[in-house]
Amino acid sequence: MRDAFPPSRYRQRLRQGVDRLATALITAGGIGVIVAVLGIGVFLAVEVVPLFWASGVAGTVNIDALWLPQTYAGLDTPQFRWQPAAAMPDETPRYSMAPLAWGTLKAALWALVIAVPLALGAAIHSAMYMPRRLRSRLKPTLELMEALPGVVIGFIAGLVLAPWVERHLAGAFTLVLVMIPGLFAAGMLRARLPRPWRARLTLGWAGLWLMPWLLLLGVAAFELAPWLEARWFDDDLRGWLATRFGLDYASRNALIVGLAMGIAVMPSIYALAEDALSGVPSSLAEGAEALGATRWQALWRVVLPAASPGVLSAVMIGAGRAVGETMIVLMASGNTALMTLSPLEGMRSLAASIAIELPEAAPGGTHYRLLLMAALLLFVFTFLVNTLAEVVRTRLRRRYRRLGGA
């Protein structure tokens, strides 16, 4: 008697059933993630809405009190203050969220100032100059840096880097002052070397042969620091900043946070920007060089404009992570709710305030709902940034298709 289904047809039916099941599971997982994200936003919005009901309802707050300077007892001028716990029995809590939002943007800005040039420079070098064999080994290593926990980076920044910079403030300042011109000097010296030497010092291996030069610059900077501090800053850089510009140096400040957070954000920006640059069809750069353009001109006027949507999306995704970072800001910022432009003073971010104060806030109270409002602001900002980055990335893929890319 013949089988109802031959073995080949049975395997085909089984394979189709497995494919349909896998497709259904993947679709359900994607829908579940979207529903979960929207559910978080709805939950935060529902918890925050009672803050802005009609006046007379217990626990309501005024929008002006949250975002505008207020006059408090004992202060001559209106100020921004975030003091959810009253210091004295007769004092009322002060709920000004402007310092928290300012601290969040300040930390993210300094992180991007440090991370974007380094990440984009590394991406350009990796995509355009580095040998393929070296790139295949180095790129995964740099991408693995993204797996470093934020608490570890914050611990090193707050307990190791910040005290070291405070003890060697003049040396750190001189190091920055010497390092940037020193890198340009290295490029100029290489350009003036004889052709055989330039052939050995290839740009693809610049990260290797620049290491001794950078070590030499570091030693020179710390040897020069005492003389520079005595000659320019009256032998006390910290006091000179306070008397000349009114800048108080705090051990944990925005620069320390920016450096630590820039290291945490840099791998993601590098990976996305490098993929965008590598995805540009090589025929564009080759055509520009065939018409007489140098490699730098082809990079600046052809490759970067073609990859600009992807590079921009990488920067936006890095900004979204910097805004939502918690542990680094918590451990390296000093957590002082100040609204100052000085990068040498501390600050307090929305995410750090949530991590510190939410366990002690009474559920349903004004303080509790304000912390959830801070979470809602972070949620909306991150959602909008990631959505915009995805739109830009879609535009990048369309541009590649028009240019004949993969």
Foldseek 3Di string as FASTA:
>chain_A
DDDPAPPVRVVVVVVVVVVVVVVVVVVVVVVVVVVVLVVLLVVLCVLQVVQDDDPPDPQHDDPCQAAPFDDDPPDDDGDQDQACDDPDPPDHGRHHCNLQALQLVLLLVLLCVPQVVVLLVVLCLLQQFADPVVSVPVLVVLLCLLVDDLLVLLCCLQPPVLVVCVVVVLLVVLLVVQQVVLVVVVVVVLVPDDPVVVVVCGSNCVVPVCVVVSVVSSVVSSVCRQVCCVPPVVSDVQVSCCVVVVDHFDSQFSNSSSVSLNSNLNSQLNVQLNVLLNQADPVQLVVVVVVPDDSVCSCVPPRCVLSVLSNVLSSLLSSLCSSQDANNLLRRQPQDSDNDPDRRHGGHHLNPCCVPPCVPDDPPHNVNSVNSVSVSVSSVSSVVSNVSSVVSVVVSVVSCVVVVTD
